[in-house]
């Protein structure tokens, strides 16, 4: 009798233990990993770079965009106009764009138009009164060139060539055509071999307050 009672108690304990054991817990689903925020600058909106008549200065589908910052009273900028006209004529035919951008916030559209007529500038001219493009290129000097990919990646920044070694110091023979070489590399699908050089010229005036 005692043996039977002990068996019943043991069976009840076993049933209770089984009742307390649920099905194995389902594995938790992995939490979605949020991509790290990109530190790359937003893609350039080239439609916002307009010429003196309010039209887009960069043609749709340009393979590369060269922006050259200028000041109307900088003698080195003005001395480079013939070379910039040559670069514009050659590389526009090959699908690139070259735009001269006035970097002085005080330069008006009328003053820029008068300057373009006086120096017979062939390339599109724009005015960057709020330093939108100056900041994007991190430019500090004129004439300083910035070469961008269509998406707005900065591929080259610096001098047009090595004609000037300092203020008032000019070579008789140019030995390094930096902007031309950078354009050639980009159009050929190659990386720019020297992506940064030092431009020689006139300092860009400060950005407008709050700009």
C-alpha atoms as a PDB file:
ATOM      1  CA  UNK A   1       0.000   0.000   0.000  1.00  0.00           C
ATOM      2  CA  UNK A   2       2.783   2.410   0.945  1.00  0.00           C
ATOM      3  CA  UNK A   3       4.596   1.434  -2.218  1.00  0.00           C
ATOM      4  CA  UNK A   4       1.527   2.236  -4.353  1.00  0.00           C
ATOM      5  CA  UNK A   5       1.087   5.608  -2.606  1.00  0.00           C
ATOM      6  CA  UNK A   6       4.760   6.435  -3.225  1.00  0.00           C
ATOM      7  CA  UNK A   7       4.368   5.563  -6.892  1.00  0.00           C
ATOM      8  CA  UNK A   8       1.352   7.849  -7.252  1.00  0.00           C
ATOM      9  CA  UNK A   9       3.212  10.726  -5.594  1.00  0.00           C
ATOM     10  CA  UNK A  10       6.207  10.220  -7.865  1.00  0.00           C
ATOM     11  CA  UNK A  11       3.966  10.162 -10.962  1.00  0.00           C
ATOM     12  CA  UNK A  12       2.228  13.368  -9.887  1.00  0.00           C
ATOM     13  CA  UNK A  13       5.560  15.084  -9.378  1.00  0.00           C
ATOM     14  CA  UNK A  14       6.700  14.045 -12.809  1.00  0.00           C
ATOM     15  CA  UNK A  15       3.479  15.353 -14.412  1.00  0.00           C
ATOM     16  CA  UNK A  16       3.849  18.659 -12.580  1.00  0.00           C
ATOM     17  CA  UNK A  17       7.413  19.027 -13.752  1.00  0.00           C
ATOM     18  CA  UNK A  18       6.397  18.363 -17.335  1.00  0.00           C
ATOM     19  CA  UNK A  19       3.578  20.897 -17.111  1.00  0.00           C
ATOM     20  CA  UNK A  20       6.049  23.581 -16.008  1.00  0.00           C
ATOM     21  CA  UNK A  21       8.291  23.053 -19.014  1.00  0.00           C
ATOM     22  CA  UNK A  22       7.033  24.940 -22.023  1.00  0.00           C
ATOM     23  CA  UNK A  23       8.207  24.549 -25.589  1.00  0.00           C
ATOM     24  CA  UNK A  24      11.694  25.868 -26.263  1.00  0.00           C
ATOM     25  CA  UNK A  25      11.651  29.618 -26.731  1.00  0.00           C
ATOM     26  CA  UNK A  26      11.742  30.708 -30.329  1.00  0.00           C
ATOM     27  CA  UNK A  27      15.013  32.357 -31.239  1.00  0.00           C
ATOM     28  CA  UNK A  28      14.695  36.139 -31.242  1.00  0.00           C
ATOM     29  CA  UNK A  29      14.957  37.789 -34.620  1.00  0.00           C
ATOM     30  CA  UNK A  30      18.074  39.899 -35.077  1.00  0.00           C
ATOM     31  CA  UNK A  31      17.510  43.605 -34.742  1.00  0.00           C
ATOM     32  CA  UNK A  32      17.858  45.447 -38.030  1.00  0.00           C
ATOM     33  CA  UNK A  33      21.149  47.282 -38.183  1.00  0.00           C
ATOM     34  CA  UNK A  34      20.765  50.885 -39.198  1.00  0.00           C
ATOM     35  CA  UNK A  35      23.357  51.992 -41.724  1.00  0.00           C
ATOM     36  CA  UNK A  36      25.816  54.500 -40.391  1.00  0.00           C
ATOM     37  CA  UNK A  37      25.100  57.997 -41.606  1.00  0.00           C
ATOM     38  CA  UNK A  38      27.187  58.906 -44.597  1.00  0.00           C
ATOM     39  CA  UNK A  39      29.811  61.592 -44.117  1.00  0.00           C
ATOM     40  CA  UNK A  40      29.955  62.307 -47.848  1.00  0.00           C
ATOM     41  CA  UNK A  41      28.608  65.664 -48.978  1.00  0.00           C
ATOM     42  CA  UNK A  42      25.215  65.756 -50.614  1.00  0.00           C
ATOM     43  CA  UNK A  43      25.234  65.405 -54.369  1.00  0.00           C
ATOM     44  CA  UNK A  44      25.724  68.678 -56.171  1.00  0.00           C
ATOM     45  CA  UNK A  45      22.649  70.209 -57.766  1.00  0.00           C
ATOM     46  CA  UNK A  46      24.228  71.733 -60.844  1.00  0.00           C
ATOM     47  CA  UNK A  47      20.956  73.370 -61.828  1.00  0.00           C
ATOM     48  CA  UNK A  48      21.604  75.775 -58.938  1.00  0.00           C
ATOM     49  CA  UNK A  49      24.803  77.027 -60.566  1.00  0.00           C
ATOM     50  CA  UNK A  50      23.389  79.583 -62.980  1.00  0.00           C
ATOM     51  CA  UNK A  51      25.054  82.003 -65.353  1.00  0.00           C
ATOM     52  CA  UNK A  52      24.572  85.760 -65.484  1.00  0.00           C
ATOM     53  CA  UNK A  53      21.324  85.320 -67.415  1.00  0.00           C
ATOM     54  CA  UNK A  54      19.873  82.897 -64.876  1.00  0.00           C
ATOM     55  CA  UNK A  55      20.373  79.809 -67.015  1.00  0.00           C
ATOM     56  CA  UNK A  56      22.116  76.611 -65.854  1.00  0.00           C
ATOM     57  CA  UNK A  57      25.858  77.098 -66.313  1.00  0.00           C
ATOM     58  CA  UNK A  58      26.484  73.341 -66.527  1.00  0.00           C
ATOM     59  CA  UNK A  59      24.997  71.364 -69.395  1.00  0.00           C
ATOM     60  CA  UNK A  60      22.959  68.304 -68.516  1.00  0.00           C
ATOM     61  CA  UNK A  61      25.053  65.155 -68.659  1.00  0.00           C
ATOM     62  CA  UNK A  62      28.417  66.846 -68.148  1.00  0.00           C
ATOM     63  CA  UNK A  63      31.127  64.266 -67.475  1.00  0.00           C
ATOM     64  CA  UNK A  64      33.081  66.626 -65.188  1.00  0.00           C
ATOM     65  CA  UNK A  65      32.660  70.182 -63.918  1.00  0.00           C
ATOM     66  CA  UNK A  66      35.580  72.554 -63.470  1.00  0.00           C
ATOM     67  CA  UNK A  67      34.802  75.630 -61.374  1.00  0.00           C
ATOM     68  CA  UNK A  68      37.401  78.404 -61.385  1.00  0.00           C
ATOM     69  CA  UNK A  69      36.987  81.090 -58.738  1.00  0.00           C
ATOM     70  CA  UNK A  70      37.842  84.626 -59.833  1.00  0.00           C
ATOM     71  CA  UNK A  71      37.839  88.244 -58.675  1.00  0.00           C
ATOM     72  CA  UNK A  72      37.345  91.055 -61.180  1.00  0.00           C
ATOM     73  CA  UNK A  73      40.286  93.086 -59.884  1.00  0.00           C
ATOM     74  CA  UNK A  74      42.775  90.221 -59.444  1.00  0.00           C
ATOM     75  CA  UNK A  75      45.499  90.627 -62.096  1.00  0.00           C
ATOM     76  CA  UNK A  76      46.443  86.950 -61.989  1.00  0.00           C
ATOM     77  CA  UNK A  77      42.811  85.932 -62.632  1.00  0.00           C
ATOM     78  CA  UNK A  78      42.641  88.282 -65.599  1.00  0.00           C
ATOM     79  CA  UNK A  79      45.960  87.040 -66.966  1.00  0.00           C
ATOM     80  CA  UNK A  80      44.568  83.491 -67.045  1.00  0.00           C
ATOM     81  CA  UNK A  81      41.495  84.318 -69.148  1.00  0.00           C
ATOM     82  CA  UNK A  82      43.074  83.266 -72.488  1.00  0.00           C
ATOM     83  CA  UNK A  83      44.071  79.880 -71.044  1.00  0.00           C
ATOM     84  CA  UNK A  84      40.649  79.409 -69.465  1.00  0.00           C
ATOM     85  CA  UNK A  85      39.014  80.206 -72.801  1.00  0.00           C
ATOM     86  CA  UNK A  86      41.186  77.552 -74.435  1.00  0.00           C
ATOM     87  CA  UNK A  87      40.299  74.974 -71.789  1.00  0.00           C
ATOM     88  CA  UNK A  88      36.609  75.819 -72.128  1.00  0.00           C
ATOM     89  CA  UNK A  89      36.664  75.437 -75.922  1.00  0.00           C
ATOM     90  CA  UNK A  90      38.538  72.147 -75.853  1.00  0.00           C
ATOM     91  CA  UNK A  91      36.884  70.332 -72.978  1.00  0.00           C
ATOM     92  CA  UNK A  92      33.325  71.479 -73.585  1.00  0.00           C
ATOM     93  CA  UNK A  93      33.504  69.678 -76.932  1.00  0.00           C
ATOM     94  CA  UNK A  94      34.570  66.559 -75.028  1.00  0.00           C
ATOM     95  CA  UNK A  95      31.705  66.608 -72.549  1.00  0.00           C
ATOM     96  CA  UNK A  96      33.135  68.525 -69.590  1.00  0.00           C
ATOM     97  CA  UNK A  97      32.052  71.927 -68.281  1.00  0.00           C
ATOM     98  CA  UNK A  98      34.120  74.897 -67.154  1.00  0.00           C
ATOM     99  CA  UNK A  99      32.540  77.791 -65.253  1.00  0.00           C
ATOM    100  CA  UNK A 100      34.140  80.969 -63.917  1.00  0.00           C
ATOM    101  CA  UNK A 101      32.619  81.864 -60.540  1.00  0.00           C
ATOM    102  CA  UNK A 102      32.976  85.299 -58.966  1.00  0.00           C
ATOM    103  CA  UNK A 103      33.893  84.740 -55.316  1.00  0.00           C
ATOM    104  CA  UNK A 104      33.542  88.279 -53.979  1.00  0.00           C
ATOM    105  CA  UNK A 105      30.103  88.688 -52.338  1.00  0.00           C
ATOM    106  CA  UNK A 106      30.199  92.350 -53.342  1.00  0.00           C
ATOM    107  CA  UNK A 107      30.371  91.553 -57.062  1.00  0.00           C
ATOM    108  CA  UNK A 108      27.010  92.181 -58.710  1.00  0.00           C
ATOM    109  CA  UNK A 109      25.664  90.481 -61.802  1.00  0.00           C
ATOM    110  CA  UNK A 110      26.109  93.704 -63.775  1.00  0.00           C
ATOM    111  CA  UNK A 111      29.727  94.048 -62.635  1.00  0.00           C
ATOM    112  CA  UNK A 112      30.436  90.424 -63.552  1.00  0.00           C
ATOM    113  CA  UNK A 113      28.858  90.936 -66.971  1.00  0.00           C
ATOM    114  CA  UNK A 114      30.960  94.030 -67.587  1.00  0.00           C
ATOM    115  CA  UNK A 115      34.093  92.119 -66.529  1.00  0.00           C
ATOM    116  CA  UNK A 116      33.245  89.235 -68.879  1.00  0.00           C
ATOM    117  CA  UNK A 117      32.803  91.641 -71.781  1.00  0.00           C
ATOM    118  CA  UNK A 118      35.984  93.564 -71.016  1.00  0.00           C
ATOM    119  CA  UNK A 119      38.149  90.438 -70.881  1.00  0.00           C
ATOM    120  CA  UNK A 120      36.214  88.526 -73.562  1.00  0.00           C
ATOM    121  CA  UNK A 121      35.476  85.544 -71.338  1.00  0.00           C
ATOM    122  CA  UNK A 122      34.057  82.690 -73.413  1.00  0.00           C
ATOM    123  CA  UNK A 123      33.113  80.308 -70.590  1.00  0.00           C
ATOM    124  CA  UNK A 124      29.886  80.647 -68.585  1.00  0.00           C
ATOM    125  CA  UNK A 125      30.204  83.081 -65.672  1.00  0.00           C
ATOM    126  CA  UNK A 126      28.354  82.859 -62.344  1.00  0.00           C
ATOM    127  CA  UNK A 127      28.214  84.919 -59.156  1.00  0.00           C
ATOM    128  CA  UNK A 128      28.567  83.154 -55.781  1.00  0.00           C
ATOM    129  CA  UNK A 129      27.299  85.888 -53.474  1.00  0.00           C
ATOM    130  CA  UNK A 130      26.598  83.495 -50.590  1.00  0.00           C
ATOM    131  CA  UNK A 131      29.765  81.399 -51.052  1.00  0.00           C
ATOM    132  CA  UNK A 132      27.771  78.237 -51.702  1.00  0.00           C
ATOM    133  CA  UNK A 133      30.338  76.970 -54.196  1.00  0.00           C
ATOM    134  CA  UNK A 134      33.328  78.492 -52.430  1.00  0.00           C
ATOM    135  CA  UNK A 135      32.454  76.454 -49.347  1.00  0.00           C
ATOM    136  CA  UNK A 136      31.778  73.314 -51.335  1.00  0.00           C
ATOM    137  CA  UNK A 137      35.200  73.535 -52.954  1.00  0.00           C
ATOM    138  CA  UNK A 138      36.887  74.854 -49.782  1.00  0.00           C
ATOM    139  CA  UNK A 139      38.512  77.460 -51.978  1.00  0.00           C
ATOM    140  CA  UNK A 140      40.560  80.277 -50.440  1.00  0.00           C
ATOM    141  CA  UNK A 141      42.334  81.913 -53.389  1.00  0.00           C
ATOM    142  CA  UNK A 142      41.655  83.203 -56.873  1.00  0.00           C
ATOM    143  CA  UNK A 143      42.206  81.913 -59.430  1.00  0.00           C
ATOM    144  CA  UNK A 144      41.674  78.530 -57.780  1.00  0.00           C
ATOM    145  CA  UNK A 145      40.210  75.626 -59.734  1.00  0.00           C
ATOM    146  CA  UNK A 146      37.969  72.889 -58.355  1.00  0.00           C
ATOM    147  CA  UNK A 147      37.170  69.861 -60.480  1.00  0.00           C
ATOM    148  CA  UNK A 148      34.053  67.904 -59.546  1.00  0.00           C
ATOM    149  CA  UNK A 149      32.517  64.656 -60.688  1.00  0.00           C
ATOM    150  CA  UNK A 150      28.902  64.902 -61.937  1.00  0.00           C
ATOM    151  CA  UNK A 151      27.799  63.721 -58.476  1.00  0.00           C
ATOM    152  CA  UNK A 152      29.707  66.527 -56.783  1.00  0.00           C
ATOM    153  CA  UNK A 153      32.784  64.676 -55.539  1.00  0.00           C
ATOM    154  CA  UNK A 154      35.798  66.983 -55.387  1.00  0.00           C
ATOM    155  CA  UNK A 155      38.467  65.381 -57.566  1.00  0.00           C
ATOM    156  CA  UNK A 156      40.991  68.204 -57.817  1.00  0.00           C
ATOM    157  CA  UNK A 157      41.533  71.592 -56.177  1.00  0.00           C
ATOM    158  CA  UNK A 158      44.375  74.034 -56.742  1.00  0.00           C
ATOM    159  CA  UNK A 159      46.212  75.993 -59.392  1.00  0.00           C
ATOM    160  CA  UNK A 160      45.429  76.089 -63.094  1.00  0.00           C
ATOM    161  CA  UNK A 161      49.096  75.489 -63.892  1.00  0.00           C
ATOM    162  CA  UNK A 162      52.489  76.411 -62.463  1.00  0.00           C
ATOM    163  CA  UNK A 163      52.875  79.678 -64.387  1.00  0.00           C
ATOM    164  CA  UNK A 164      52.930  81.683 -61.148  1.00  0.00           C
ATOM    165  CA  UNK A 165      55.277  80.680 -58.343  1.00  0.00           C
ATOM    166  CA  UNK A 166      54.301  83.626 -56.170  1.00  0.00           C
ATOM    167  CA  UNK A 167      52.825  87.101 -56.344  1.00  0.00           C
ATOM    168  CA  UNK A 168      54.734  88.935 -59.028  1.00  0.00           C
ATOM    169  CA  UNK A 169      56.776  85.818 -59.812  1.00  0.00           C
ATOM    170  CA  UNK A 170      55.969  84.320 -63.196  1.00  0.00           C
ATOM    171  CA  UNK A 171      57.629  81.521 -65.137  1.00  0.00           C
ATOM    172  CA  UNK A 172      58.521  82.065 -68.760  1.00  0.00           C
ATOM    173  CA  UNK A 173      57.702  78.412 -69.512  1.00  0.00           C
ATOM    174  CA  UNK A 174      54.805  76.481 -67.955  1.00  0.00           C
ATOM    175  CA  UNK A 175      55.942  73.004 -66.935  1.00  0.00           C
ATOM    176  CA  UNK A 176      52.869  71.625 -65.142  1.00  0.00           C
ATOM    177  CA  UNK A 177      49.340  71.915 -66.581  1.00  0.00           C
ATOM    178  CA  UNK A 178      47.499  70.768 -63.475  1.00  0.00           C
ATOM    179  CA  UNK A 179      43.871  71.545 -64.345  1.00  0.00           C
ATOM    180  CA  UNK A 180      44.255  70.261 -67.887  1.00  0.00           C
ATOM    181  CA  UNK A 181      45.868  67.050 -66.633  1.00  0.00           C
ATOM    182  CA  UNK A 182      43.079  66.554 -64.080  1.00  0.00           C
ATOM    183  CA  UNK A 183      40.414  66.986 -66.767  1.00  0.00           C
ATOM    184  CA  UNK A 184      42.218  64.548 -69.050  1.00  0.00           C
ATOM    185  CA  UNK A 185      42.390  61.966 -66.268  1.00  0.00           C
ATOM    186  CA  UNK A 186      38.718  62.240 -65.338  1.00  0.00           C
ATOM    187  CA  UNK A 187      37.507  62.023 -68.934  1.00  0.00           C
ATOM    188  CA  UNK A 188      39.713  58.962 -69.425  1.00  0.00           C
ATOM    189  CA  UNK A 189      38.297  57.308 -66.308  1.00  0.00           C
ATOM    190  CA  UNK A 190      41.566  57.515 -64.400  1.00  0.00           C
ATOM    191  CA  UNK A 191      42.167  58.926 -60.911  1.00  0.00           C
ATOM    192  CA  UNK A 192      43.741  62.357 -60.756  1.00  0.00           C
ATOM    193  CA  UNK A 193      47.409  61.763 -59.962  1.00  0.00           C
ATOM    194  CA  UNK A 194      47.801  64.954 -57.921  1.00  0.00           C
ATOM    195  CA  UNK A 195      44.487  65.976 -56.414  1.00  0.00           C
ATOM    196  CA  UNK A 196      45.735  69.002 -54.440  1.00  0.00           C
ATOM    197  CA  UNK A 197      48.054  71.834 -55.418  1.00  0.00           C
ATOM    198  CA  UNK A 198      48.551  75.351 -54.071  1.00  0.00           C
ATOM    199  CA  UNK A 199      46.941  78.160 -56.015  1.00  0.00           C
ATOM    200  CA  UNK A 200      48.753  81.496 -56.219  1.00  0.00           C
ATOM    201  CA  UNK A 201      46.746  84.688 -56.443  1.00  0.00           C
ATOM    202  CA  UNK A 202      44.362  86.895 -54.491  1.00  0.00           C
ATOM    203  CA  UNK A 203      42.598  85.842 -51.286  1.00  0.00           C
ATOM    204  CA  UNK A 204      38.847  85.278 -51.462  1.00  0.00           C
ATOM    205  CA  UNK A 205      36.949  87.872 -49.397  1.00  0.00           C
ATOM    206  CA  UNK A 206      35.128  86.642 -46.306  1.00  0.00           C
ATOM    207  CA  UNK A 207      31.714  85.082 -46.574  1.00  0.00           C
ATOM    208  CA  UNK A 208      28.727  87.332 -45.880  1.00  0.00           C
ATOM    209  CA  UNK A 209      27.583  87.425 -42.257  1.00  0.00           C
ATOM    210  CA  UNK A 210      25.331  84.482 -41.551  1.00  0.00           C
ATOM    211  CA  UNK A 211      26.459  82.827 -44.758  1.00  0.00           C
END
